[in-house]
Amino acid sequence: MADDIDPMAKAFLDSQEMEETRAYLERGREFKGAPVEGINEAWALAFKLVYEHGETSHRAQLDDLAAELRLRGLEPPGHLVQDTIRALQERLRNTAETARDTLLENVRRFLDQLEKPKN
């Protein structure tokens, strides 16, 4: 997947991850002694709380758990949240389509206004 990402977008995402990891380390690496299975389960729960239920108060925990996994050379367990990811992708598609339709309607109205005779 990383090969599909624009280099500038990848640089931005990498920078965000480094910042999250730095902040996590500064806060004392809370999950250092936790077993990987527990971190994976907690990460999946936090992911669902943030992205399914909009509970943004769990965002810092989600970032910290991901940072701990990165420090261990592991990736977050995306396989545990595939349904949530699919739902997010669908919401994004719908949002993009709605935004496109709204933009096209606004452009159409603008062009109609330009074509009206001015008195």
N, C-alpha and C. Protein backbone atom coordinates (compact mmCIF):
# COMPACT_ATOMS: atom_id res chain seq x y z
N MET A 1 0.82 -1.20 0.00
CA MET A 1 0.00 0.00 0.00
C MET A 1 0.85 1.25 0.00
N ALA A 2 1.96 1.26 0.73
CA ALA A 2 2.80 2.45 0.83
C ALA A 2 3.30 2.89 -0.53
N ASP A 3 3.46 1.96 -1.49
CA ASP A 3 3.91 2.33 -2.82
C ASP A 3 2.87 3.12 -3.59
N ASP A 4 1.60 3.01 -3.18
CA ASP A 4 0.51 3.71 -3.86
C ASP A 4 0.36 5.15 -3.38
N ILE A 5 1.06 5.53 -2.34
CA ILE A 5 0.89 6.85 -1.73
C ILE A 5 1.84 7.85 -2.39
N ASP A 6 1.31 9.02 -2.67
CA ASP A 6 2.11 10.11 -3.19
C ASP A 6 3.27 10.39 -2.24
N PRO A 7 4.47 10.65 -2.74
CA PRO A 7 5.63 10.86 -1.86
C PRO A 7 5.43 11.98 -0.83
N MET A 8 4.77 13.05 -1.22
CA MET A 8 4.53 14.14 -0.26
C MET A 8 3.54 13.71 0.82
N ALA A 9 2.52 12.97 0.43
CA ALA A 9 1.55 12.48 1.41
C ALA A 9 2.23 11.50 2.37
N LYS A 10 3.09 10.64 1.82
CA LYS A 10 3.81 9.68 2.66
C LYS A 10 4.72 10.42 3.63
N ALA A 11 5.42 11.44 3.16
CA ALA A 11 6.29 12.22 4.05
C ALA A 11 5.48 12.86 5.17
N PHE A 12 4.30 13.37 4.84
CA PHE A 12 3.43 13.96 5.85
C PHE A 12 3.01 12.91 6.88
N LEU A 13 2.56 11.75 6.40
CA LEU A 13 2.13 10.68 7.31
C LEU A 13 3.28 10.19 8.18
N ASP A 14 4.46 10.06 7.59
CA ASP A 14 5.63 9.65 8.37
C ASP A 14 5.96 10.68 9.45
N SER A 15 5.84 11.94 9.11
CA SER A 15 6.10 13.01 10.07
C SER A 15 5.08 12.95 11.22
N GLN A 16 3.81 12.71 10.88
CA GLN A 16 2.78 12.59 11.91
C GLN A 16 3.10 11.43 12.84
N GLU A 17 3.50 10.29 12.28
CA GLU A 17 3.83 9.13 13.11
C GLU A 17 5.01 9.43 14.02
N MET A 18 6.02 10.11 13.51
CA MET A 18 7.18 10.45 14.35
C MET A 18 6.76 11.38 15.48
N GLU A 19 5.89 12.32 15.19
CA GLU A 19 5.41 13.25 16.22
C GLU A 19 4.60 12.50 17.27
N GLU A 20 3.74 11.58 16.84
CA GLU A 20 2.96 10.78 17.79
C GLU A 20 3.89 9.95 18.68
N THR A 21 4.91 9.36 18.08
CA THR A 21 5.85 8.53 18.84
C THR A 21 6.64 9.38 19.82
N ARG A 22 7.08 10.56 19.39
CA ARG A 22 7.80 11.46 20.28
C ARG A 22 6.95 11.83 21.48
N ALA A 23 5.70 12.20 21.22
CA ALA A 23 4.79 12.60 22.29
C ALA A 23 4.54 11.44 23.25
N TYR A 24 4.38 10.25 22.70
CA TYR A 24 4.16 9.05 23.52
C TYR A 24 5.36 8.80 24.42
N LEU A 25 6.54 8.90 23.87
CA LEU A 25 7.76 8.70 24.67
C LEU A 25 7.87 9.75 25.77
N GLU A 26 7.54 10.99 25.46
CA GLU A 26 7.59 12.06 26.46
C GLU A 26 6.60 11.81 27.60
N ARG A 27 5.48 11.18 27.29
CA ARG A 27 4.49 10.90 28.33
C ARG A 27 4.85 9.66 29.16
N GLY A 28 5.92 8.98 28.82
CA GLY A 28 6.37 7.89 29.67
C GLY A 28 6.15 6.48 29.15
N ARG A 29 5.75 6.32 27.91
CA ARG A 29 5.59 5.00 27.28
C ARG A 29 4.74 4.06 28.14
N GLU A 30 3.51 4.45 28.34
CA GLU A 30 2.55 3.76 29.22
C GLU A 30 2.41 2.26 28.93
N PHE A 31 2.49 1.87 27.67
CA PHE A 31 2.20 0.48 27.30
C PHE A 31 3.46 -0.37 27.10
N LYS A 32 4.58 0.11 27.59
CA LYS A 32 5.87 -0.57 27.38
C LYS A 32 5.84 -2.03 27.83
N GLY A 33 5.24 -2.33 28.97
CA GLY A 33 5.24 -3.68 29.50
C GLY A 33 4.05 -4.53 29.10
N ALA A 34 3.16 -3.97 28.32
CA ALA A 34 1.95 -4.70 27.94
C ALA A 34 2.25 -5.74 26.86
N PRO A 35 1.56 -6.88 26.92
CA PRO A 35 1.75 -7.89 25.87
C PRO A 35 1.18 -7.40 24.54
N VAL A 36 1.76 -7.84 23.45
CA VAL A 36 1.34 -7.41 22.12
C VAL A 36 -0.15 -7.69 21.90
N GLU A 37 -0.63 -8.85 22.34
CA GLU A 37 -2.04 -9.18 22.14
C GLU A 37 -2.95 -8.16 22.81
N GLY A 38 -2.57 -7.74 24.01
CA GLY A 38 -3.36 -6.75 24.73
C GLY A 38 -3.32 -5.39 24.03
N ILE A 39 -2.17 -5.02 23.52
CA ILE A 39 -2.04 -3.75 22.80
C ILE A 39 -2.89 -3.80 21.53
N ASN A 40 -2.82 -4.93 20.82
CA ASN A 40 -3.62 -5.07 19.59
C ASN A 40 -5.11 -4.94 19.89
N GLU A 41 -5.58 -5.61 20.93
CA GLU A 41 -7.00 -5.55 21.28
C GLU A 41 -7.39 -4.14 21.70
N ALA A 42 -6.54 -3.49 22.50
CA ALA A 42 -6.84 -2.13 22.95
C ALA A 42 -6.84 -1.16 21.77
N TRP A 43 -5.90 -1.35 20.84
CA TRP A 43 -5.83 -0.50 19.65
C TRP A 43 -7.11 -0.66 18.82
N ALA A 44 -7.54 -1.91 18.61
CA ALA A 44 -8.75 -2.15 17.82
C ALA A 44 -9.97 -1.52 18.49
N LEU A 45 -10.07 -1.65 19.80
CA LEU A 45 -11.19 -1.04 20.52
C LEU A 45 -11.15 0.48 20.39
N ALA A 46 -9.98 1.08 20.60
CA ALA A 46 -9.86 2.54 20.49
C ALA A 46 -10.17 2.99 19.06
N PHE A 47 -9.71 2.24 18.06
CA PHE A 47 -9.98 2.58 16.67
C PHE A 47 -11.49 2.62 16.42
N LYS A 48 -12.18 1.59 16.90
CA LYS A 48 -13.63 1.53 16.70
C LYS A 48 -14.34 2.65 17.45
N LEU A 49 -13.88 2.96 18.66
CA LEU A 49 -14.50 4.05 19.42
C LEU A 49 -14.34 5.38 18.70
N VAL A 50 -13.17 5.60 18.14
CA VAL A 50 -12.91 6.86 17.45
C VAL A 50 -13.66 6.91 16.11
N TYR A 51 -13.50 5.87 15.29
CA TYR A 51 -13.99 5.93 13.92
C TYR A 51 -15.39 5.40 13.70
N GLU A 52 -15.91 4.57 14.59
CA GLU A 52 -17.31 4.13 14.46
C GLU A 52 -18.24 5.01 15.29
N HIS A 53 -17.77 5.39 16.48
CA HIS A 53 -18.64 6.08 17.42
C HIS A 53 -18.30 7.55 17.61
N GLY A 54 -17.24 8.01 16.97
CA GLY A 54 -16.87 9.42 17.04
C GLY A 54 -16.40 9.87 18.40
N GLU A 55 -15.93 8.95 19.21
CA GLU A 55 -15.45 9.29 20.56
C GLU A 55 -13.99 9.75 20.47
N THR A 56 -13.82 11.01 20.11
CA THR A 56 -12.48 11.54 19.88
C THR A 56 -11.62 11.58 21.15
N SER A 57 -12.23 11.40 22.30
CA SER A 57 -11.46 11.38 23.54
C SER A 57 -10.51 10.18 23.58
N HIS A 58 -10.73 9.21 22.71
CA HIS A 58 -9.86 8.02 22.67
C HIS A 58 -8.76 8.15 21.62
N ARG A 59 -8.68 9.28 20.95
CA ARG A 59 -7.70 9.48 19.88
C ARG A 59 -6.27 9.39 20.41
N ALA A 60 -5.98 10.01 21.55
CA ALA A 60 -4.62 9.98 22.10
C ALA A 60 -4.22 8.56 22.46
N GLN A 61 -5.14 7.79 23.02
CA GLN A 61 -4.84 6.40 23.36
C GLN A 61 -4.57 5.60 22.08
N LEU A 62 -5.36 5.82 21.06
CA LEU A 62 -5.15 5.14 19.78
C LEU A 62 -3.75 5.45 19.24
N ASP A 63 -3.38 6.71 19.28
CA ASP A 63 -2.05 7.11 18.81
C ASP A 63 -0.95 6.49 19.66
N ASP A 64 -1.14 6.48 20.97
CA ASP A 64 -0.12 5.90 21.87
C ASP A 64 0.05 4.41 21.65
N LEU A 65 -1.05 3.71 21.46
CA LEU A 65 -0.97 2.28 21.21
C LEU A 65 -0.27 2.00 19.88
N ALA A 66 -0.57 2.79 18.87
CA ALA A 66 0.11 2.64 17.58
C ALA A 66 1.59 2.95 17.72
N ALA A 67 1.92 3.97 18.50
CA ALA A 67 3.33 4.31 18.72
C ALA A 67 4.07 3.17 19.41
N GLU A 68 3.44 2.56 20.39
CA GLU A 68 4.08 1.43 21.08
C GLU A 68 4.33 0.29 20.10
N LEU A 69 3.37 0.02 19.25
CA LEU A 69 3.56 -1.04 18.26
C LEU A 69 4.71 -0.69 17.32
N ARG A 70 4.76 0.56 16.86
CA ARG A 70 5.86 0.98 15.98
C ARG A 70 7.21 0.82 16.66
N LEU A 71 7.28 1.19 17.95
CA LEU A 71 8.53 1.05 18.69
C LEU A 71 8.98 -0.41 18.77
N ARG A 72 8.03 -1.31 18.70
CA ARG A 72 8.34 -2.75 18.71
C ARG A 72 8.54 -3.31 17.31
N GLY A 73 8.48 -2.44 16.32
CA GLY A 73 8.65 -2.87 14.94
C GLY A 73 7.43 -3.56 14.36
N LEU A 74 6.26 -3.28 14.93
CA LEU A 74 5.01 -3.92 14.50
C LEU A 74 4.06 -2.88 13.93
N GLU A 75 3.15 -3.34 13.11
CA GLU A 75 2.10 -2.50 12.54
C GLU A 75 0.83 -2.63 13.38
N PRO A 76 0.01 -1.59 13.42
CA PRO A 76 -1.29 -1.73 14.08
C PRO A 76 -2.09 -2.85 13.39
N PRO A 77 -2.92 -3.56 14.14
CA PRO A 77 -3.64 -4.72 13.60
C PRO A 77 -4.88 -4.34 12.79
N GLY A 78 -4.64 -3.80 11.62
CA GLY A 78 -5.76 -3.40 10.76
C GLY A 78 -6.73 -4.51 10.47
N HIS A 79 -6.24 -5.75 10.48
CA HIS A 79 -7.12 -6.89 10.21
C HIS A 79 -8.23 -7.02 11.25
N LEU A 80 -8.04 -6.44 12.43
CA LEU A 80 -9.06 -6.52 13.48
C LEU A 80 -10.18 -5.50 13.29
N VAL A 81 -9.98 -4.55 12.39
CA VAL A 81 -10.96 -3.48 12.20
C VAL A 81 -11.38 -3.33 10.74
N GLN A 82 -11.32 -4.42 9.98
CA GLN A 82 -11.65 -4.36 8.55
C GLN A 82 -13.07 -3.85 8.29
N ASP A 83 -14.02 -4.27 9.10
CA ASP A 83 -15.40 -3.79 8.89
C ASP A 83 -15.49 -2.28 9.10
N THR A 84 -14.80 -1.79 10.11
CA THR A 84 -14.80 -0.35 10.37
C THR A 84 -14.13 0.39 9.24
N ILE A 85 -13.03 -0.14 8.73
CA ILE A 85 -12.32 0.50 7.63
C ILE A 85 -13.20 0.54 6.38
N ARG A 86 -13.88 -0.56 6.09
CA ARG A 86 -14.79 -0.58 4.93
C ARG A 86 -15.90 0.46 5.09
N ALA A 87 -16.46 0.56 6.29
CA ALA A 87 -17.52 1.55 6.54
C ALA A 87 -16.98 2.97 6.38
N LEU A 88 -15.76 3.20 6.84
CA LEU A 88 -15.13 4.52 6.66
C LEU A 88 -14.94 4.84 5.19
N GLN A 89 -14.45 3.86 4.44
CA GLN A 89 -14.24 4.07 3.01
C GLN A 89 -15.55 4.41 2.31
N GLU A 90 -16.60 3.71 2.69
CA GLU A 90 -17.91 3.99 2.10
C GLU A 90 -18.40 5.39 2.46
N ARG A 91 -18.23 5.76 3.71
CA ARG A 91 -18.62 7.12 4.13
C ARG A 91 -17.83 8.17 3.37
N LEU A 92 -16.54 7.93 3.19
CA LEU A 92 -15.71 8.88 2.43
C LEU A 92 -16.17 8.98 0.98
N ARG A 93 -16.47 7.82 0.38
CA ARG A 93 -16.97 7.84 -1.01
C ARG A 93 -18.27 8.63 -1.09
N ASN A 94 -19.18 8.37 -0.17
CA ASN A 94 -20.46 9.08 -0.18
C ASN A 94 -20.28 10.57 0.05
N THR A 95 -19.38 10.92 0.97
CA THR A 95 -19.11 12.33 1.24
C THR A 95 -18.53 13.01 0.01
N ALA A 96 -17.59 12.32 -0.65
CA ALA A 96 -16.97 12.88 -1.86
C ALA A 96 -18.01 13.06 -2.97
N GLU A 97 -18.88 12.06 -3.12
CA GLU A 97 -19.92 12.16 -4.15
C GLU A 97 -20.89 13.30 -3.84
N THR A 98 -21.27 13.43 -2.58
CA THR A 98 -22.17 14.52 -2.18
C THR A 98 -21.51 15.87 -2.41
N ALA A 99 -20.24 15.98 -2.04
CA ALA A 99 -19.52 17.24 -2.24
C ALA A 99 -19.41 17.57 -3.73
N ARG A 100 -19.12 16.54 -4.54
CA ARG A 100 -19.03 16.75 -5.99
C ARG A 100 -20.36 17.20 -6.54
N ASP A 101 -21.45 16.52 -6.14
CA ASP A 101 -22.77 16.88 -6.63
C ASP A 101 -23.14 18.31 -6.22
N THR A 102 -22.82 18.67 -5.00
CA THR A 102 -23.10 20.03 -4.52
C THR A 102 -22.30 21.06 -5.32
N LEU A 103 -21.03 20.77 -5.54
CA LEU A 103 -20.19 21.68 -6.33
C LEU A 103 -20.73 21.83 -7.73
N LEU A 104 -21.09 20.72 -8.37
CA LEU A 104 -21.63 20.78 -9.73
C LEU A 104 -22.93 21.58 -9.77
N GLU A 105 -23.78 21.41 -8.77
CA GLU A 105 -25.02 22.17 -8.72
C GLU A 105 -24.74 23.66 -8.54
N ASN A 106 -23.78 24.01 -7.70
CA ASN A 106 -23.43 25.41 -7.50
C ASN A 106 -22.84 26.02 -8.77
N VAL A 107 -22.01 25.27 -9.47
CA VAL A 107 -21.44 25.76 -10.74
C VAL A 107 -22.56 25.95 -11.75
N ARG A 108 -23.49 24.99 -11.84
CA ARG A 108 -24.61 25.10 -12.78
C ARG A 108 -25.43 26.36 -12.50
N ARG A 109 -25.74 26.61 -11.21
CA ARG A 109 -26.50 27.82 -10.85
C ARG A 109 -25.73 29.09 -11.20
N PHE A 110 -24.43 29.07 -10.96
CA PHE A 110 -23.60 30.23 -11.29
C PHE A 110 -23.63 30.49 -12.79
N LEU A 111 -23.46 29.43 -13.59
CA LEU A 111 -23.49 29.59 -15.04
C LEU A 111 -24.86 30.04 -15.52
N ASP A 112 -25.92 29.53 -14.90
CA ASP A 112 -27.27 29.99 -15.25
C ASP A 112 -27.43 31.48 -14.97
N GLN A 113 -26.89 31.94 -13.85
CA GLN A 113 -26.96 33.37 -13.50
C GLN A 113 -26.19 34.21 -14.52
N LEU A 114 -25.07 33.71 -14.99
CA LEU A 114 -24.28 34.45 -15.99
C LEU A 114 -25.02 34.58 -17.31
N GLU A 115 -25.81 33.59 -17.65
CA GLU A 115 -26.51 33.58 -18.93
C GLU A 115 -27.79 34.43 -18.92
N LYS A 116 -28.30 34.73 -17.72
CA LYS A 116 -29.53 35.52 -17.65
C LYS A 116 -29.26 36.93 -18.15
N PRO A 117 -30.22 37.46 -18.89
CA PRO A 117 -30.03 38.85 -19.33
C PRO A 117 -30.03 39.82 -18.15
N LYS A 118 -29.16 40.79 -18.25
CA LYS A 118 -29.08 41.79 -17.19
C LYS A 118 -29.90 43.01 -17.60
N ASN A 119 -30.75 43.45 -16.70
CA ASN A 119 -31.61 44.60 -16.98
C ASN A 119 -31.23 45.75 -16.13
